[in-house]
Amino acid sequence: MIRGYFSTTGGRNRPYVDGVFQFPGGVTDRSLEVRLLVDTGADRTLISPRDAGQMVRRLGIDLAALPRGAPGAGVGGQADTRTIEAVLTLGNFSVRLTLPILEPPPGPLPPIPSLLGRDIISHFALFMEERTNRVLLLEPHEADPLNIPS
């Protein structure tokens, strides 16, 4: 079971989980802890411009040298992306993925969080209960015995 939490950002209480992205190919520890907004409307997990800045500063990853990805589109519009091979770890669960990174725009960084999308959420049964501040991602062997009616 992966436990998340609700956190108030921008005046709204939103569900998050903490994850670690590892980027193979370096001689040093190339891992980045990231707070991920659980977004059932996002098709894929992605790194926000703010966390992309951390990748540049802390890990020395050159975003401009990474391959271009499909544009990221959402309620706020469209943004250019770069991609990188990564391993995402949430608790005891790990998965390899081609990770889109929203390119940081010039000027101040927008307050966009990194997202945990349905590409990862689909591996779990997701339970969110704001009243008790619970965000739970249950693995199939944990969710199946619950016998929840369909």
N, C-alpha and C. Protein backbone atom coordinates (compact mmCIF):
# COMPACT_ATOMS: atom_id res chain seq x y z
N MET A 1 0.84 -1.17 0.00
CA MET A 1 0.00 0.00 0.00
C MET A 1 0.90 1.24 0.00
N ILE A 2 0.52 2.16 -0.83
CA ILE A 2 1.23 3.44 -0.88
C ILE A 2 0.30 4.47 -0.24
N ARG A 3 0.82 5.15 0.75
CA ARG A 3 0.02 6.16 1.45
C ARG A 3 0.39 7.55 0.94
N GLY A 4 -0.63 8.29 0.60
CA GLY A 4 -0.45 9.67 0.22
C GLY A 4 -1.07 10.57 1.28
N TYR A 5 -1.38 11.77 0.90
CA TYR A 5 -1.90 12.75 1.85
C TYR A 5 -2.56 13.88 1.08
N PHE A 6 -3.37 14.65 1.78
CA PHE A 6 -3.93 15.87 1.22
C PHE A 6 -3.09 17.03 1.71
N SER A 7 -2.88 18.00 0.84
CA SER A 7 -2.12 19.19 1.19
C SER A 7 -2.81 20.39 0.57
N THR A 8 -2.84 21.48 1.30
CA THR A 8 -3.48 22.69 0.80
C THR A 8 -2.45 23.52 0.05
N THR A 9 -2.72 23.71 -1.24
CA THR A 9 -1.88 24.56 -2.08
C THR A 9 -2.81 25.45 -2.89
N GLY A 10 -2.50 26.72 -2.94
CA GLY A 10 -3.33 27.65 -3.70
C GLY A 10 -4.75 27.72 -3.17
N GLY A 11 -4.92 27.48 -1.87
CA GLY A 11 -6.24 27.57 -1.27
C GLY A 11 -7.11 26.33 -1.48
N ARG A 12 -6.56 25.30 -2.10
CA ARG A 12 -7.32 24.07 -2.35
C ARG A 12 -6.60 22.87 -1.75
N ASN A 13 -7.39 21.97 -1.20
CA ASN A 13 -6.85 20.74 -0.63
C ASN A 13 -6.75 19.70 -1.74
N ARG A 14 -5.54 19.21 -2.00
CA ARG A 14 -5.31 18.31 -3.13
C ARG A 14 -4.57 17.05 -2.68
N PRO A 15 -4.80 15.92 -3.42
CA PRO A 15 -4.14 14.65 -3.04
C PRO A 15 -2.75 14.53 -3.65
N TYR A 16 -1.81 14.10 -2.83
CA TYR A 16 -0.41 13.93 -3.26
C TYR A 16 0.13 12.59 -2.77
N VAL A 17 1.14 12.11 -3.47
CA VAL A 17 1.99 11.02 -3.01
C VAL A 17 3.44 11.46 -3.26
N ASP A 18 4.34 10.91 -2.47
CA ASP A 18 5.76 11.21 -2.65
C ASP A 18 6.40 10.06 -3.42
N GLY A 19 7.21 10.40 -4.40
CA GLY A 19 7.89 9.40 -5.20
C GLY A 19 9.35 9.75 -5.40
N VAL A 20 10.10 8.79 -5.88
CA VAL A 20 11.51 9.00 -6.20
C VAL A 20 11.72 8.59 -7.64
N PHE A 21 12.27 9.50 -8.43
CA PHE A 21 12.65 9.21 -9.80
C PHE A 21 14.15 8.95 -9.82
N GLN A 22 14.55 7.87 -10.46
CA GLN A 22 15.96 7.58 -10.67
C GLN A 22 16.21 7.65 -12.17
N PHE A 23 17.34 8.25 -12.52
CA PHE A 23 17.70 8.45 -13.91
C PHE A 23 18.98 7.68 -14.17
N PRO A 24 18.86 6.53 -14.86
CA PRO A 24 20.04 5.69 -15.12
C PRO A 24 21.07 6.41 -15.99
N GLY A 25 22.29 5.93 -15.91
CA GLY A 25 23.33 6.43 -16.81
C GLY A 25 24.36 7.32 -16.17
N GLY A 26 24.18 7.70 -14.94
CA GLY A 26 25.16 8.57 -14.30
C GLY A 26 26.09 7.79 -13.40
N VAL A 27 27.20 8.39 -13.07
CA VAL A 27 28.15 7.74 -12.17
C VAL A 27 27.85 8.08 -10.73
N THR A 28 27.01 9.09 -10.50
CA THR A 28 26.64 9.47 -9.14
C THR A 28 25.16 9.16 -8.94
N ASP A 29 24.69 9.34 -7.73
CA ASP A 29 23.27 9.14 -7.43
C ASP A 29 22.46 10.15 -8.21
N ARG A 30 21.71 9.67 -9.15
CA ARG A 30 20.86 10.55 -9.95
C ARG A 30 19.41 10.25 -9.62
N SER A 31 19.03 10.58 -8.39
CA SER A 31 17.65 10.37 -7.99
C SER A 31 17.09 11.68 -7.46
N LEU A 32 15.79 11.83 -7.63
CA LEU A 32 15.11 13.06 -7.26
C LEU A 32 13.81 12.71 -6.57
N GLU A 33 13.65 13.17 -5.33
CA GLU A 33 12.38 13.00 -4.62
C GLU A 33 11.42 14.07 -5.13
N VAL A 34 10.19 13.64 -5.45
CA VAL A 34 9.21 14.55 -6.03
C VAL A 34 7.86 14.33 -5.38
N ARG A 35 7.20 15.42 -5.07
CA ARG A 35 5.82 15.39 -4.59
C ARG A 35 4.92 15.40 -5.82
N LEU A 36 4.07 14.38 -5.96
CA LEU A 36 3.25 14.21 -7.15
C LEU A 36 1.77 14.41 -6.84
N LEU A 37 1.14 15.29 -7.58
CA LEU A 37 -0.30 15.48 -7.47
C LEU A 37 -0.98 14.29 -8.12
N VAL A 38 -1.87 13.61 -7.41
CA VAL A 38 -2.61 12.49 -7.97
C VAL A 38 -3.68 13.08 -8.89
N ASP A 39 -3.51 12.87 -10.19
CA ASP A 39 -4.36 13.52 -11.19
C ASP A 39 -5.01 12.48 -12.09
N THR A 40 -6.25 12.11 -11.78
CA THR A 40 -6.96 11.10 -12.58
C THR A 40 -7.32 11.63 -13.96
N GLY A 41 -7.17 12.91 -14.20
CA GLY A 41 -7.42 13.48 -15.51
C GLY A 41 -6.18 13.54 -16.39
N ALA A 42 -5.04 13.20 -15.84
CA ALA A 42 -3.78 13.23 -16.61
C ALA A 42 -3.52 11.84 -17.18
N ASP A 43 -3.30 11.77 -18.48
CA ASP A 43 -3.01 10.48 -19.12
C ASP A 43 -1.68 9.92 -18.66
N ARG A 44 -0.72 10.79 -18.38
CA ARG A 44 0.62 10.32 -18.05
C ARG A 44 1.23 11.12 -16.90
N THR A 45 2.16 10.47 -16.26
CA THR A 45 2.93 11.09 -15.19
C THR A 45 3.93 12.03 -15.83
N LEU A 46 4.14 13.19 -15.22
CA LEU A 46 5.10 14.14 -15.79
C LEU A 46 5.76 15.00 -14.72
N ILE A 47 6.89 15.57 -15.10
CA ILE A 47 7.66 16.45 -14.22
C ILE A 47 7.33 17.90 -14.54
N SER A 48 7.06 18.68 -13.51
CA SER A 48 6.73 20.09 -13.67
C SER A 48 7.99 20.92 -13.94
N PRO A 49 7.81 22.15 -14.43
CA PRO A 49 8.96 23.02 -14.64
C PRO A 49 9.79 23.24 -13.37
N ARG A 50 9.12 23.34 -12.23
CA ARG A 50 9.85 23.56 -10.96
C ARG A 50 10.75 22.36 -10.64
N ASP A 51 10.21 21.16 -10.76
CA ASP A 51 11.02 19.97 -10.50
C ASP A 51 12.06 19.75 -11.59
N ALA A 52 11.75 20.19 -12.82
CA ALA A 52 12.76 20.13 -13.90
C ALA A 52 13.96 21.00 -13.53
N GLY A 53 13.70 22.14 -12.91
CA GLY A 53 14.79 23.01 -12.44
C GLY A 53 15.66 22.30 -11.41
N GLN A 54 15.03 21.48 -10.55
CA GLN A 54 15.79 20.70 -9.57
C GLN A 54 16.68 19.66 -10.27
N MET A 55 16.15 19.08 -11.35
CA MET A 55 16.94 18.11 -12.11
C MET A 55 18.19 18.76 -12.68
N VAL A 56 18.04 19.99 -13.16
CA VAL A 56 19.17 20.71 -13.73
C VAL A 56 20.17 21.07 -12.64
N ARG A 57 19.68 21.69 -11.56
CA ARG A 57 20.58 22.19 -10.50
C ARG A 57 21.22 21.06 -9.70
N ARG A 58 20.43 20.09 -9.25
CA ARG A 58 20.96 19.06 -8.34
C ARG A 58 21.63 17.90 -9.06
N LEU A 59 21.10 17.56 -10.26
CA LEU A 59 21.60 16.36 -10.93
C LEU A 59 22.43 16.65 -12.16
N GLY A 60 22.47 17.92 -12.57
CA GLY A 60 23.26 18.29 -13.74
C GLY A 60 22.70 17.78 -15.05
N ILE A 61 21.40 17.50 -15.10
CA ILE A 61 20.78 17.03 -16.34
C ILE A 61 20.53 18.22 -17.26
N ASP A 62 21.00 18.13 -18.47
CA ASP A 62 20.84 19.19 -19.46
C ASP A 62 19.54 18.96 -20.22
N LEU A 63 18.50 19.71 -19.89
CA LEU A 63 17.19 19.52 -20.52
C LEU A 63 17.25 19.73 -22.03
N ALA A 64 18.03 20.69 -22.48
CA ALA A 64 18.10 20.98 -23.91
C ALA A 64 18.69 19.82 -24.70
N ALA A 65 19.45 18.95 -24.04
CA ALA A 65 20.06 17.81 -24.73
C ALA A 65 19.12 16.60 -24.79
N LEU A 66 18.00 16.67 -24.09
CA LEU A 66 17.06 15.56 -24.08
C LEU A 66 16.16 15.60 -25.31
N PRO A 67 15.65 14.46 -25.75
CA PRO A 67 14.77 14.44 -26.92
C PRO A 67 13.46 15.17 -26.65
N ARG A 68 12.92 15.79 -27.69
CA ARG A 68 11.62 16.45 -27.57
C ARG A 68 10.54 15.39 -27.45
N GLY A 69 9.53 15.71 -26.65
CA GLY A 69 8.38 14.82 -26.48
C GLY A 69 7.14 15.45 -27.08
N ALA A 70 6.04 14.72 -27.00
CA ALA A 70 4.76 15.25 -27.46
C ALA A 70 4.39 16.43 -26.56
N PRO A 71 3.77 17.47 -27.11
CA PRO A 71 3.38 18.60 -26.27
C PRO A 71 2.45 18.15 -25.15
N GLY A 72 2.65 18.77 -23.99
CA GLY A 72 1.76 18.52 -22.86
C GLY A 72 0.58 19.46 -22.97
N ALA A 73 -0.62 18.92 -22.91
CA ALA A 73 -1.82 19.75 -23.02
C ALA A 73 -2.71 19.52 -21.81
N GLY A 74 -3.30 20.59 -21.34
CA GLY A 74 -4.20 20.51 -20.20
C GLY A 74 -5.09 21.72 -20.16
N VAL A 75 -5.73 21.91 -19.04
CA VAL A 75 -6.65 23.04 -18.87
C VAL A 75 -5.93 24.36 -19.10
N GLY A 76 -4.67 24.46 -18.69
CA GLY A 76 -3.91 25.71 -18.81
C GLY A 76 -3.33 25.96 -20.18
N GLY A 77 -3.53 25.05 -21.13
CA GLY A 77 -2.99 25.24 -22.47
C GLY A 77 -2.03 24.13 -22.83
N GLN A 78 -1.06 24.48 -23.66
CA GLN A 78 -0.11 23.51 -24.19
C GLN A 78 1.30 23.94 -23.85
N ALA A 79 2.17 22.95 -23.60
CA ALA A 79 3.57 23.25 -23.26
C ALA A 79 4.48 22.26 -23.96
N ASP A 80 5.68 22.71 -24.31
CA ASP A 80 6.68 21.83 -24.90
C ASP A 80 7.23 20.90 -23.83
N THR A 81 7.62 19.70 -24.27
CA THR A 81 8.19 18.74 -23.33
C THR A 81 9.49 18.17 -23.86
N ARG A 82 10.27 17.66 -22.95
CA ARG A 82 11.44 16.83 -23.23
C ARG A 82 11.16 15.49 -22.56
N THR A 83 11.88 14.46 -22.94
CA THR A 83 11.67 13.15 -22.32
C THR A 83 12.99 12.58 -21.81
N ILE A 84 12.87 11.74 -20.79
CA ILE A 84 14.03 11.07 -20.23
C ILE A 84 13.58 9.71 -19.71
N GLU A 85 14.45 8.72 -19.82
CA GLU A 85 14.17 7.40 -19.27
C GLU A 85 14.37 7.48 -17.76
N ALA A 86 13.41 6.90 -17.02
CA ALA A 86 13.46 7.00 -15.56
C ALA A 86 12.85 5.75 -14.94
N VAL A 87 13.13 5.58 -13.67
CA VAL A 87 12.46 4.57 -12.85
C VAL A 87 11.77 5.33 -11.74
N LEU A 88 10.45 5.14 -11.63
CA LEU A 88 9.68 5.77 -10.56
C LEU A 88 9.46 4.74 -9.47
N THR A 89 9.77 5.13 -8.23
CA THR A 89 9.52 4.28 -7.08
C THR A 89 8.53 4.97 -6.16
N LEU A 90 7.46 4.23 -5.87
CA LEU A 90 6.44 4.65 -4.89
C LEU A 90 6.37 3.53 -3.87
N GLY A 91 6.85 3.76 -2.66
CA GLY A 91 6.88 2.68 -1.67
C GLY A 91 7.69 1.51 -2.18
N ASN A 92 7.06 0.32 -2.27
CA ASN A 92 7.74 -0.89 -2.77
C ASN A 92 7.52 -1.12 -4.26
N PHE A 93 6.78 -0.24 -4.91
CA PHE A 93 6.45 -0.37 -6.33
C PHE A 93 7.44 0.45 -7.15
N SER A 94 8.00 -0.18 -8.19
CA SER A 94 8.90 0.53 -9.11
C SER A 94 8.50 0.21 -10.54
N VAL A 95 8.64 1.21 -11.42
CA VAL A 95 8.31 1.02 -12.81
C VAL A 95 9.21 1.90 -13.67
N ARG A 96 9.65 1.35 -14.82
CA ARG A 96 10.42 2.12 -15.79
C ARG A 96 9.43 2.86 -16.67
N LEU A 97 9.78 4.08 -17.04
CA LEU A 97 8.92 4.85 -17.93
C LEU A 97 9.72 5.89 -18.69
N THR A 98 9.16 6.28 -19.82
CA THR A 98 9.69 7.43 -20.54
C THR A 98 8.95 8.62 -19.97
N LEU A 99 9.67 9.46 -19.25
CA LEU A 99 9.08 10.52 -18.44
C LEU A 99 9.07 11.85 -19.18
N PRO A 100 7.87 12.42 -19.42
CA PRO A 100 7.81 13.76 -20.00
C PRO A 100 8.18 14.81 -18.95
N ILE A 101 8.89 15.82 -19.40
CA ILE A 101 9.28 16.95 -18.53
C ILE A 101 8.75 18.22 -19.19
N LEU A 102 7.94 18.97 -18.47
CA LEU A 102 7.47 20.24 -19.02
C LEU A 102 8.64 21.22 -19.03
N GLU A 103 8.94 21.77 -20.20
CA GLU A 103 10.05 22.71 -20.30
C GLU A 103 9.75 23.98 -19.52
N PRO A 104 10.70 24.42 -18.69
CA PRO A 104 10.48 25.66 -17.95
C PRO A 104 10.37 26.84 -18.91
N PRO A 105 9.34 27.67 -18.73
CA PRO A 105 9.21 28.86 -19.57
C PRO A 105 10.19 29.92 -19.10
N PRO A 106 10.46 30.93 -19.94
CA PRO A 106 11.29 32.05 -19.47
C PRO A 106 10.56 32.79 -18.36
N GLY A 107 11.31 33.35 -17.45
CA GLY A 107 10.71 34.12 -16.37
C GLY A 107 10.36 33.26 -15.18
N PRO A 108 9.46 33.78 -14.33
CA PRO A 108 9.10 33.05 -13.11
C PRO A 108 8.42 31.71 -13.45
N LEU A 109 8.70 30.71 -12.64
CA LEU A 109 8.12 29.39 -12.87
C LEU A 109 6.66 29.38 -12.42
N PRO A 110 5.78 28.80 -13.24
CA PRO A 110 4.38 28.70 -12.84
C PRO A 110 4.23 27.69 -11.70
N PRO A 111 3.20 27.85 -10.87
CA PRO A 111 3.03 26.93 -9.73
C PRO A 111 2.36 25.62 -10.13
N ILE A 112 2.89 24.99 -11.16
CA ILE A 112 2.33 23.73 -11.65
C ILE A 112 3.05 22.59 -10.92
N PRO A 113 2.29 21.64 -10.33
CA PRO A 113 2.94 20.51 -9.66
C PRO A 113 3.29 19.41 -10.66
N SER A 114 4.20 18.54 -10.27
CA SER A 114 4.43 17.32 -11.03
C SER A 114 3.21 16.43 -10.82
N LEU A 115 2.90 15.60 -11.83
CA LEU A 115 1.65 14.83 -11.80
C LEU A 115 1.89 13.34 -11.78
N LEU A 116 1.10 12.63 -11.00
CA LEU A 116 1.00 11.19 -11.07
C LEU A 116 -0.23 10.90 -11.92
N GLY A 117 -0.01 10.44 -13.15
CA GLY A 117 -1.09 10.24 -14.10
C GLY A 117 -1.61 8.80 -14.12
N ARG A 118 -2.60 8.59 -14.98
CA ARG A 118 -3.25 7.28 -15.07
C ARG A 118 -2.33 6.18 -15.57
N ASP A 119 -1.23 6.54 -16.24
CA ASP A 119 -0.28 5.50 -16.65
C ASP A 119 0.26 4.74 -15.44
N ILE A 120 0.34 5.40 -14.30
CA ILE A 120 0.80 4.76 -13.05
C ILE A 120 -0.38 4.41 -12.16
N ILE A 121 -1.34 5.31 -12.03
CA ILE A 121 -2.51 5.07 -11.16
C ILE A 121 -3.21 3.77 -11.55
N SER A 122 -3.21 3.43 -12.85
CA SER A 122 -3.92 2.24 -13.33
C SER A 122 -3.38 0.93 -12.75
N HIS A 123 -2.20 0.96 -12.15
CA HIS A 123 -1.63 -0.23 -11.51
C HIS A 123 -2.25 -0.49 -10.14
N PHE A 124 -3.06 0.42 -9.66
CA PHE A 124 -3.56 0.38 -8.29
C PHE A 124 -5.07 0.58 -8.22
N ALA A 125 -5.62 0.28 -7.04
CA ALA A 125 -6.96 0.74 -6.69
C ALA A 125 -6.72 2.03 -5.90
N LEU A 126 -7.32 3.12 -6.34
CA LEU A 126 -7.11 4.43 -5.72
C LEU A 126 -8.28 4.75 -4.80
N PHE A 127 -7.95 5.05 -3.55
CA PHE A 127 -8.95 5.50 -2.58
C PHE A 127 -8.52 6.85 -2.05
N MET A 128 -9.44 7.80 -2.14
CA MET A 128 -9.16 9.14 -1.60
C MET A 128 -10.34 9.52 -0.71
N GLU A 129 -10.03 9.91 0.50
CA GLU A 129 -11.06 10.37 1.41
C GLU A 129 -10.53 11.61 2.12
N GLU A 130 -10.97 12.75 1.65
CA GLU A 130 -10.47 14.02 2.15
C GLU A 130 -10.84 14.24 3.61
N ARG A 131 -12.01 13.75 4.02
CA ARG A 131 -12.48 13.96 5.39
C ARG A 131 -11.47 13.44 6.41
N THR A 132 -10.81 12.32 6.10
CA THR A 132 -9.83 11.74 7.02
C THR A 132 -8.40 11.89 6.52
N ASN A 133 -8.22 12.71 5.47
CA ASN A 133 -6.90 13.00 4.93
C ASN A 133 -6.19 11.73 4.44
N ARG A 134 -6.96 10.81 3.79
CA ARG A 134 -6.36 9.57 3.32
C ARG A 134 -6.31 9.51 1.80
N VAL A 135 -5.15 9.18 1.30
CA VAL A 135 -4.95 8.87 -0.11
C VAL A 135 -4.21 7.54 -0.10
N LEU A 136 -4.85 6.51 -0.66
CA LEU A 136 -4.27 5.17 -0.64
C LEU A 136 -4.22 4.61 -2.05
N LEU A 137 -3.09 4.06 -2.41
CA LEU A 137 -2.93 3.31 -3.65
C LEU A 137 -2.72 1.86 -3.23
N LEU A 138 -3.72 1.02 -3.51
CA LEU A 138 -3.65 -0.38 -3.12
C LEU A 138 -3.24 -1.23 -4.31
N GLU A 139 -2.30 -2.13 -4.08
CA GLU A 139 -1.91 -3.08 -5.12
C GLU A 139 -3.02 -4.10 -5.26
N PRO A 140 -3.11 -4.77 -6.44
CA PRO A 140 -4.21 -5.71 -6.67
C PRO A 140 -4.41 -6.73 -5.55
N HIS A 141 -3.30 -7.29 -5.03
CA HIS A 141 -3.46 -8.30 -3.97
C HIS A 141 -4.04 -7.69 -2.68
N GLU A 142 -3.96 -6.38 -2.52
CA GLU A 142 -4.55 -5.71 -1.36
C GLU A 142 -6.00 -5.31 -1.62
N ALA A 143 -6.30 -4.94 -2.85
CA ALA A 143 -7.64 -4.46 -3.19
C ALA A 143 -8.63 -5.59 -3.46
N ASP A 144 -8.18 -6.68 -4.10
CA ASP A 144 -9.09 -7.76 -4.48
C ASP A 144 -9.86 -8.36 -3.31
N PRO A 145 -9.25 -8.59 -2.15
CA PRO A 145 -10.00 -9.17 -1.03
C PRO A 145 -11.09 -8.25 -0.46
N LEU A 146 -11.11 -6.99 -0.85
CA LEU A 146 -12.11 -6.06 -0.29
C LEU A 146 -13.52 -6.33 -0.80
N ASN A 147 -13.66 -7.07 -1.91
CA ASN A 147 -14.97 -7.43 -2.46
C ASN A 147 -15.91 -6.23 -2.57
N ILE A 148 -15.42 -5.18 -3.18
CA ILE A 148 -16.24 -3.98 -3.38
C ILE A 148 -17.19 -4.25 -4.54
N PRO A 149 -18.50 -4.01 -4.35
CA PRO A 149 -19.45 -4.26 -5.44
C PRO A 149 -19.13 -3.39 -6.65
N SER A 150 -19.38 -3.96 -7.85
CA SER A 150 -19.12 -3.19 -9.08
C SER A 150 -20.33 -2.39 -9.50
